[in-house]
Amino acid sequence: MITYIALAQIIIAVALITVIIIQSRSSGGLGGIFGGDNSLFRTRRGVEKTLFNFTIVLAIAFAIVSLIAASGLAAR
């Protein structure tokens, strides 16, 4: 059971990293992280909105799986 949880955690982590990298590429790359992005307010639309929402879902899933893994290890 712990093996499946660890495998799920790895898959979710890789997916989360991939989605974050794709997001940073579409919004100016690493320059946006350090303040190089233009400071105009933009509304997220289309694929950008979908990636943003998917990032939130993956982050919540990763947190839940991590808590399950921690509680499973504590029970041992």
PDB file of N, CA and C in Angstrom:
ATOM      1  N   MET A   1       0.821  -1.194   0.000  1.00  0.00           N
ATOM      2  CA  MET A   1       0.000   0.000   0.000  1.00  0.00           C
ATOM      3  C   MET A   1       0.868   1.261   0.000  1.00  0.00           C
ATOM      4  N   ILE A   2       1.916   1.258   0.799  1.00  0.00           N
ATOM      5  CA  ILE A   2       2.822   2.408   0.853  1.00  0.00           C
ATOM      6  C   ILE A   2       3.496   2.618  -0.503  1.00  0.00           C
ATOM      7  N   THR A   3       3.777   1.516  -1.202  1.00  0.00           N
ATOM      8  CA  THR A   3       4.410   1.620  -2.516  1.00  0.00           C
ATOM      9  C   THR A   3       3.508   2.358  -3.498  1.00  0.00           C
ATOM     10  N   TYR A   4       2.214   2.062  -3.477  1.00  0.00           N
ATOM     11  CA  TYR A   4       1.277   2.721  -4.374  1.00  0.00           C
ATOM     12  C   TYR A   4       1.132   4.208  -4.041  1.00  0.00           C
ATOM     13  N   ILE A   5       1.140   4.518  -2.777  1.00  0.00           N
ATOM     14  CA  ILE A   5       1.044   5.923  -2.364  1.00  0.00           C
ATOM     15  C   ILE A   5       2.303   6.676  -2.781  1.00  0.00           C
ATOM     16  N   ALA A   6       3.456   6.061  -2.607  1.00  0.00           N
ATOM     17  CA  ALA A   6       4.707   6.704  -3.019  1.00  0.00           C
ATOM     18  C   ALA A   6       4.751   6.889  -4.531  1.00  0.00           C
ATOM     19  N   LEU A   7       4.276   5.904  -5.274  1.00  0.00           N
ATOM     20  CA  LEU A   7       4.233   6.015  -6.727  1.00  0.00           C
ATOM     21  C   LEU A   7       3.274   7.133  -7.162  1.00  0.00           C
ATOM     22  N   ALA A   8       2.121   7.211  -6.514  1.00  0.00           N
ATOM     23  CA  ALA A   8       1.171   8.287  -6.819  1.00  0.00           C
ATOM     24  C   ALA A   8       1.777   9.653  -6.502  1.00  0.00           C
ATOM     25  N   GLN A   9       2.507   9.738  -5.414  1.00  0.00           N
ATOM     26  CA  GLN A   9       3.145  10.999  -5.021  1.00  0.00           C
ATOM     27  C   GLN A   9       4.195  11.418  -6.056  1.00  0.00           C
ATOM     28  N   ILE A  10       4.955  10.480  -6.552  1.00  0.00           N
ATOM     29  CA  ILE A  10       5.971  10.788  -7.570  1.00  0.00           C
ATOM     30  C   ILE A  10       5.309  11.251  -8.864  1.00  0.00           C
ATOM     31  N   ILE A  11       4.261  10.548  -9.284  1.00  0.00           N
ATOM     32  CA  ILE A  11       3.570  10.917 -10.525  1.00  0.00           C
ATOM     33  C   ILE A  11       2.951  12.307 -10.405  1.00  0.00           C
ATOM     34  N   ILE A  12       2.301  12.593  -9.287  1.00  0.00           N
ATOM     35  CA  ILE A  12       1.692  13.909  -9.086  1.00  0.00           C
ATOM     36  C   ILE A  12       2.759  14.994  -9.034  1.00  0.00           C
ATOM     37  N   ALA A  13       3.893  14.712  -8.389  1.00  0.00           N
ATOM     38  CA  ALA A  13       4.961  15.706  -8.302  1.00  0.00           C
ATOM     39  C   ALA A  13       5.529  16.032  -9.684  1.00  0.00           C
ATOM     40  N   VAL A  14       5.752  15.014 -10.500  1.00  0.00           N
ATOM     41  CA  VAL A  14       6.277  15.243 -11.851  1.00  0.00           C
ATOM     42  C   VAL A  14       5.266  16.033 -12.686  1.00  0.00           C
ATOM     43  N   ALA A  15       3.988  15.682 -12.567  1.00  0.00           N
ATOM     44  CA  ALA A  15       2.950  16.409 -13.303  1.00  0.00           C
ATOM     45  C   ALA A  15       2.871  17.861 -12.844  1.00  0.00           C
ATOM     46  N   LEU A  16       2.974  18.093 -11.544  1.00  0.00           N
ATOM     47  CA  LEU A  16       2.927  19.454 -10.998  1.00  0.00           C
ATOM     48  C   LEU A  16       4.110  20.282 -11.489  1.00  0.00           C
ATOM     49  N   ILE A  17       5.291  19.706 -11.483  1.00  0.00           N
ATOM     50  CA  ILE A  17       6.478  20.411 -11.976  1.00  0.00           C
ATOM     51  C   ILE A  17       6.326  20.743 -13.459  1.00  0.00           C
ATOM     52  N   THR A  18       5.818  19.783 -14.232  1.00  0.00           N
ATOM     53  CA  THR A  18       5.630  20.003 -15.665  1.00  0.00           C
ATOM     54  C   THR A  18       4.641  21.129 -15.935  1.00  0.00           C
ATOM     55  N   VAL A  19       3.530  21.141 -15.225  1.00  0.00           N
ATOM     56  CA  VAL A  19       2.521  22.185 -15.428  1.00  0.00           C
ATOM     57  C   VAL A  19       3.063  23.553 -15.035  1.00  0.00           C
ATOM     58  N   ILE A  20       3.830  23.618 -13.967  1.00  0.00           N
ATOM     59  CA  ILE A  20       4.406  24.900 -13.547  1.00  0.00           C
ATOM     60  C   ILE A  20       5.412  25.402 -14.576  1.00  0.00           C
ATOM     61  N   ILE A  21       6.215  24.515 -15.123  1.00  0.00           N
ATOM     62  CA  ILE A  21       7.186  24.932 -16.151  1.00  0.00           C
ATOM     63  C   ILE A  21       6.472  25.411 -17.404  1.00  0.00           C
ATOM     64  N   ILE A  22       5.417  24.711 -17.799  1.00  0.00           N
ATOM     65  CA  ILE A  22       4.649  25.139 -18.977  1.00  0.00           C
ATOM     66  C   ILE A  22       4.025  26.504 -18.731  1.00  0.00           C
ATOM     67  N   GLN A  23       3.524  26.733 -17.526  1.00  0.00           N
ATOM     68  CA  GLN A  23       2.932  28.032 -17.189  1.00  0.00           C
ATOM     69  C   GLN A  23       3.962  29.151 -17.258  1.00  0.00           C
ATOM     70  N   SER A  24       5.145  28.926 -16.721  1.00  0.00           N
ATOM     71  CA  SER A  24       6.140  29.991 -16.699  1.00  0.00           C
ATOM     72  C   SER A  24       6.654  30.292 -18.105  1.00  0.00           C
ATOM     73  N   ARG A  25       6.656  29.306 -18.987  1.00  0.00           N
ATOM     74  CA  ARG A  25       7.063  29.557 -20.376  1.00  0.00           C
ATOM     75  C   ARG A  25       6.044  30.436 -21.088  1.00  0.00           C
ATOM     76  N   SER A  26       4.770  30.179 -20.852  1.00  0.00           N
ATOM     77  CA  SER A  26       3.744  30.931 -21.574  1.00  0.00           C
ATOM     78  C   SER A  26       3.567  32.337 -21.029  1.00  0.00           C
ATOM     79  N   SER A  27       4.043  32.600 -19.832  1.00  0.00           N
ATOM     80  CA  SER A  27       3.859  33.935 -19.249  1.00  0.00           C
ATOM     81  C   SER A  27       5.175  34.691 -19.118  1.00  0.00           C
ATOM     82  N   GLY A  28       6.109  34.458 -20.004  1.00  0.00           N
ATOM     83  CA  GLY A  28       7.342  35.224 -20.000  1.00  0.00           C
ATOM     84  C   GLY A  28       8.551  34.482 -19.494  1.00  0.00           C
ATOM     85  N   GLY A  29       8.413  33.226 -19.153  1.00  0.00           N
ATOM     86  CA  GLY A  29       9.557  32.435 -18.716  1.00  0.00           C
ATOM     87  C   GLY A  29      10.055  32.824 -17.339  1.00  0.00           C
ATOM     88  N   LEU A  30      11.318  32.589 -17.105  1.00  0.00           N
ATOM     89  CA  LEU A  30      11.896  32.863 -15.794  1.00  0.00           C
ATOM     90  C   LEU A  30      12.035  34.357 -15.509  1.00  0.00           C
ATOM     91  N   GLY A  31      11.982  35.187 -16.538  1.00  0.00           N
ATOM     92  CA  GLY A  31      12.064  36.630 -16.323  1.00  0.00           C
ATOM     93  C   GLY A  31      10.898  37.145 -15.502  1.00  0.00           C
ATOM     94  N   GLY A  32       9.745  36.517 -15.628  1.00  0.00           N
ATOM     95  CA  GLY A  32       8.582  36.919 -14.849  1.00  0.00           C
ATOM     96  C   GLY A  32       8.739  36.628 -13.374  1.00  0.00           C
ATOM     97  N   ILE A  33       9.523  35.639 -13.039  1.00  0.00           N
ATOM     98  CA  ILE A  33       9.745  35.300 -11.638  1.00  0.00           C
ATOM     99  C   ILE A  33      10.546  36.392 -10.941  1.00  0.00           C
ATOM    100  N   PHE A  34      11.505  36.969 -11.656  1.00  0.00           N
ATOM    101  CA  PHE A  34      12.388  37.960 -11.057  1.00  0.00           C
ATOM    102  C   PHE A  34      11.962  39.392 -11.349  1.00  0.00           C
ATOM    103  N   GLY A  35      10.727  39.594 -11.775  1.00  0.00           N
ATOM    104  CA  GLY A  35      10.227  40.942 -11.974  1.00  0.00           C
ATOM    105  C   GLY A  35      10.406  41.480 -13.373  1.00  0.00           C
ATOM    106  N   GLY A  36      10.810  40.677 -14.318  1.00  0.00           N
ATOM    107  CA  GLY A  36      11.007  41.147 -15.673  1.00  0.00           C
ATOM    108  C   GLY A  36       9.732  41.169 -16.498  1.00  0.00           C
ATOM    109  N   ASP A  37       8.660  40.660 -15.927  1.00  0.00           N
ATOM    110  CA  ASP A  37       7.390  40.623 -16.638  1.00  0.00           C
ATOM    111  C   ASP A  37       6.747  42.001 -16.638  1.00  0.00           C
ATOM    112  N   ASN A  38       5.987  42.303 -17.704  1.00  0.00           N
ATOM    113  CA  ASN A  38       5.297  43.586 -17.697  1.00  0.00           C
ATOM    114  C   ASN A  38       4.232  43.561 -16.607  1.00  0.00           C
ATOM    115  N   SER A  39       3.960  44.702 -16.039  1.00  0.00           N
ATOM    116  CA  SER A  39       3.095  44.746 -14.864  1.00  0.00           C
ATOM    117  C   SER A  39       1.648  45.082 -15.228  1.00  0.00           C
ATOM    118  N   LEU A  40       1.222  44.743 -16.420  1.00  0.00           N
ATOM    119  CA  LEU A  40      -0.164  44.947 -16.812  1.00  0.00           C
ATOM    120  C   LEU A  40      -1.009  43.794 -16.304  1.00  0.00           C
ATOM    121  N   PHE A  41      -2.203  44.124 -15.873  1.00  0.00           N
ATOM    122  CA  PHE A  41      -3.115  43.086 -15.403  1.00  0.00           C
ATOM    123  C   PHE A  41      -3.720  42.374 -16.602  1.00  0.00           C
ATOM    124  N   ARG A  42      -3.676  41.056 -16.578  1.00  0.00           N
ATOM    125  CA  ARG A  42      -4.256  40.272 -17.660  1.00  0.00           C
ATOM    126  C   ARG A  42      -5.213  39.251 -17.079  1.00  0.00           C
ATOM    127  N   THR A  43      -6.267  39.012 -17.799  1.00  0.00           N
ATOM    128  CA  THR A  43      -7.218  37.979 -17.415  1.00  0.00           C
ATOM    129  C   THR A  43      -6.775  36.657 -18.026  1.00  0.00           C
ATOM    130  N   ARG A  44      -6.820  35.619 -17.221  1.00  0.00           N
ATOM    131  CA  ARG A  44      -6.456  34.298 -17.744  1.00  0.00           C
ATOM    132  C   ARG A  44      -7.595  33.783 -18.612  1.00  0.00           C
ATOM    133  N   ARG A  45      -7.248  33.315 -19.798  1.00  0.00           N
ATOM    134  CA  ARG A  45      -8.255  32.786 -20.712  1.00  0.00           C
ATOM    135  C   ARG A  45      -7.723  31.535 -21.388  1.00  0.00           C
ATOM    136  N   GLY A  46      -8.628  30.670 -21.749  1.00  0.00           N
ATOM    137  CA  GLY A  46      -8.280  29.492 -22.542  1.00  0.00           C
ATOM    138  C   GLY A  46      -7.346  28.534 -21.833  1.00  0.00           C
ATOM    139  N   VAL A  47      -6.257  28.215 -22.515  1.00  0.00           N
ATOM    140  CA  VAL A  47      -5.301  27.234 -22.007  1.00  0.00           C
ATOM    141  C   VAL A  47      -4.635  27.727 -20.730  1.00  0.00           C
ATOM    142  N   GLU A  48      -4.364  29.017 -20.643  1.00  0.00           N
ATOM    143  CA  GLU A  48      -3.715  29.565 -19.452  1.00  0.00           C
ATOM    144  C   GLU A  48      -4.589  29.368 -18.210  1.00  0.00           C
ATOM    145  N   LYS A  49      -5.883  29.575 -18.351  1.00  0.00           N
ATOM    146  CA  LYS A  49      -6.805  29.376 -17.231  1.00  0.00           C
ATOM    147  C   LYS A  49      -6.884  27.900 -16.853  1.00  0.00           C
ATOM    148  N   THR A  50      -6.912  27.039 -17.878  1.00  0.00           N
ATOM    149  CA  THR A  50      -6.959  25.598 -17.622  1.00  0.00           C
ATOM    150  C   THR A  50      -5.702  25.130 -16.894  1.00  0.00           C
ATOM    151  N   LEU A  51      -4.534  25.602 -17.318  1.00  0.00           N
ATOM    152  CA  LEU A  51      -3.283  25.237 -16.641  1.00  0.00           C
ATOM    153  C   LEU A  51      -3.273  25.739 -15.206  1.00  0.00           C
ATOM    154  N   PHE A  52      -3.778  26.953 -14.992  1.00  0.00           N
ATOM    155  CA  PHE A  52      -3.827  27.524 -13.644  1.00  0.00           C
ATOM    156  C   PHE A  52      -4.707  26.664 -12.735  1.00  0.00           C
ATOM    157  N   ASN A  53      -5.892  26.306 -13.215  1.00  0.00           N
ATOM    158  CA  ASN A  53      -6.793  25.481 -12.412  1.00  0.00           C
ATOM    159  C   ASN A  53      -6.224  24.076 -12.194  1.00  0.00           C
ATOM    160  N   PHE A  54      -5.576  23.520 -13.207  1.00  0.00           N
ATOM    161  CA  PHE A  54      -4.974  22.192 -13.083  1.00  0.00           C
ATOM    162  C   PHE A  54      -3.823  22.205 -12.080  1.00  0.00           C
ATOM    163  N   THR A  55      -3.087  23.309 -12.024  1.00  0.00           N
ATOM    164  CA  THR A  55      -2.014  23.448 -11.041  1.00  0.00           C
ATOM    165  C   THR A  55      -2.569  23.417  -9.626  1.00  0.00           C
ATOM    166  N   ILE A  56      -3.675  24.105  -9.419  1.00  0.00           N
ATOM    167  CA  ILE A  56      -4.307  24.106  -8.091  1.00  0.00           C
ATOM    168  C   ILE A  56      -4.779  22.714  -7.712  1.00  0.00           C
ATOM    169  N   VAL A  57      -5.404  22.014  -8.654  1.00  0.00           N
ATOM    170  CA  VAL A  57      -5.880  20.652  -8.387  1.00  0.00           C
ATOM    171  C   VAL A  57      -4.721  19.719  -8.064  1.00  0.00           C
ATOM    172  N   LEU A  58      -3.637  19.812  -8.840  1.00  0.00           N
ATOM    173  CA  LEU A  58      -2.469  18.958  -8.585  1.00  0.00           C
ATOM    174  C   LEU A  58      -1.825  19.276  -7.240  1.00  0.00           C
ATOM    175  N   ALA A  59      -1.758  20.545  -6.875  1.00  0.00           N
ATOM    176  CA  ALA A  59      -1.160  20.918  -5.588  1.00  0.00           C
ATOM    177  C   ALA A  59      -1.987  20.374  -4.422  1.00  0.00           C
ATOM    178  N   ILE A  60      -3.309  20.455  -4.541  1.00  0.00           N
ATOM    179  CA  ILE A  60      -4.182  19.913  -3.491  1.00  0.00           C
ATOM    180  C   ILE A  60      -4.050  18.397  -3.425  1.00  0.00           C
ATOM    181  N   ALA A  61      -4.012  17.742  -4.592  1.00  0.00           N
ATOM    182  CA  ALA A  61      -3.850  16.285  -4.632  1.00  0.00           C
ATOM    183  C   ALA A  61      -2.516  15.866  -4.024  1.00  0.00           C
ATOM    184  N   PHE A  62      -1.467  16.623  -4.323  1.00  0.00           N
ATOM    185  CA  PHE A  62      -0.149  16.304  -3.763  1.00  0.00           C
ATOM    186  C   PHE A  62      -0.160  16.448  -2.238  1.00  0.00           C
ATOM    187  N   ALA A  63      -0.797  17.489  -1.739  1.00  0.00           N
ATOM    188  CA  ALA A  63      -0.877  17.684  -0.285  1.00  0.00           C
ATOM    189  C   ALA A  63      -1.654  16.550   0.377  1.00  0.00           C
ATOM    190  N   ILE A  64      -2.753  16.145  -0.229  1.00  0.00           N
ATOM    191  CA  ILE A  64      -3.561  15.063   0.351  1.00  0.00           C
ATOM    192  C   ILE A  64      -2.794  13.744   0.345  1.00  0.00           C
ATOM    193  N   VAL A  65      -2.143  13.431  -0.776  1.00  0.00           N
ATOM    194  CA  VAL A  65      -1.376  12.181  -0.853  1.00  0.00           C
ATOM    195  C   VAL A  65      -0.204  12.213   0.132  1.00  0.00           C
ATOM    196  N   SER A  66       0.407  13.377   0.309  1.00  0.00           N
ATOM    197  CA  SER A  66       1.503  13.495   1.273  1.00  0.00           C
ATOM    198  C   SER A  66       1.027  13.272   2.703  1.00  0.00           C
ATOM    199  N   LEU A  67      -0.145  13.809   3.023  1.00  0.00           N
ATOM    200  CA  LEU A  67      -0.702  13.581   4.357  1.00  0.00           C
ATOM    201  C   LEU A  67      -1.065  12.113   4.579  1.00  0.00           C
ATOM    202  N   ILE A  68      -1.602  11.481   3.548  1.00  0.00           N
ATOM    203  CA  ILE A  68      -1.910  10.046   3.646  1.00  0.00           C
ATOM    204  C   ILE A  68      -0.634   9.236   3.830  1.00  0.00           C
ATOM    205  N   ALA A  69       0.416   9.586   3.101  1.00  0.00           N
ATOM    206  CA  ALA A  69       1.694   8.873   3.225  1.00  0.00           C
ATOM    207  C   ALA A  69       2.284   9.082   4.623  1.00  0.00           C
ATOM    208  N   ALA A  70       2.195  10.296   5.131  1.00  0.00           N
ATOM    209  CA  ALA A  70       2.735  10.564   6.468  1.00  0.00           C
ATOM    210  C   ALA A  70       1.952   9.821   7.550  1.00  0.00           C
ATOM    211  N   SER A  71       0.649   9.777   7.413  1.00  0.00           N
ATOM    212  CA  SER A  71      -0.151   9.063   8.405  1.00  0.00           C
ATOM    213  C   SER A  71       0.056   7.562   8.304  1.00  0.00           C
ATOM    214  N   GLY A  72       0.310   7.067   7.089  1.00  0.00           N
ATOM    215  CA  GLY A  72       0.592   5.652   6.909  1.00  0.00           C
ATOM    216  C   GLY A  72       1.927   5.258   7.511  1.00  0.00           C
ATOM    217  N   LEU A  73       2.904   6.129   7.393  1.00  0.00           N
ATOM    218  CA  LEU A  73       4.224   5.846   7.987  1.00  0.00           C
ATOM    219  C   LEU A  73       4.183   5.974   9.509  1.00  0.00           C
ATOM    220  N   ALA A  74       3.358   6.866  10.013  1.00  0.00           N
ATOM    221  CA  ALA A  74       3.258   7.053  11.449  1.00  0.00           C
ATOM    222  C   ALA A  74       2.552   5.862  12.105  1.00  0.00           C
ATOM    223  N   ALA A  75       1.661   5.227  11.346  1.00  0.00           N
ATOM    224  CA  ALA A  75       0.935   4.082  11.890  1.00  0.00           C
ATOM    225  C   ALA A  75       1.802   2.831  11.986  1.00  0.00           C
ATOM    226  N   ARG A  76       2.898   2.798  11.264  1.00  0.00           N
ATOM    227  CA  ARG A  76       3.769   1.628  11.285  1.00  0.00           C
ATOM    228  C   ARG A  76       4.503   1.524  12.545  1.00  0.00           C
TER     229      ARG A  76
END
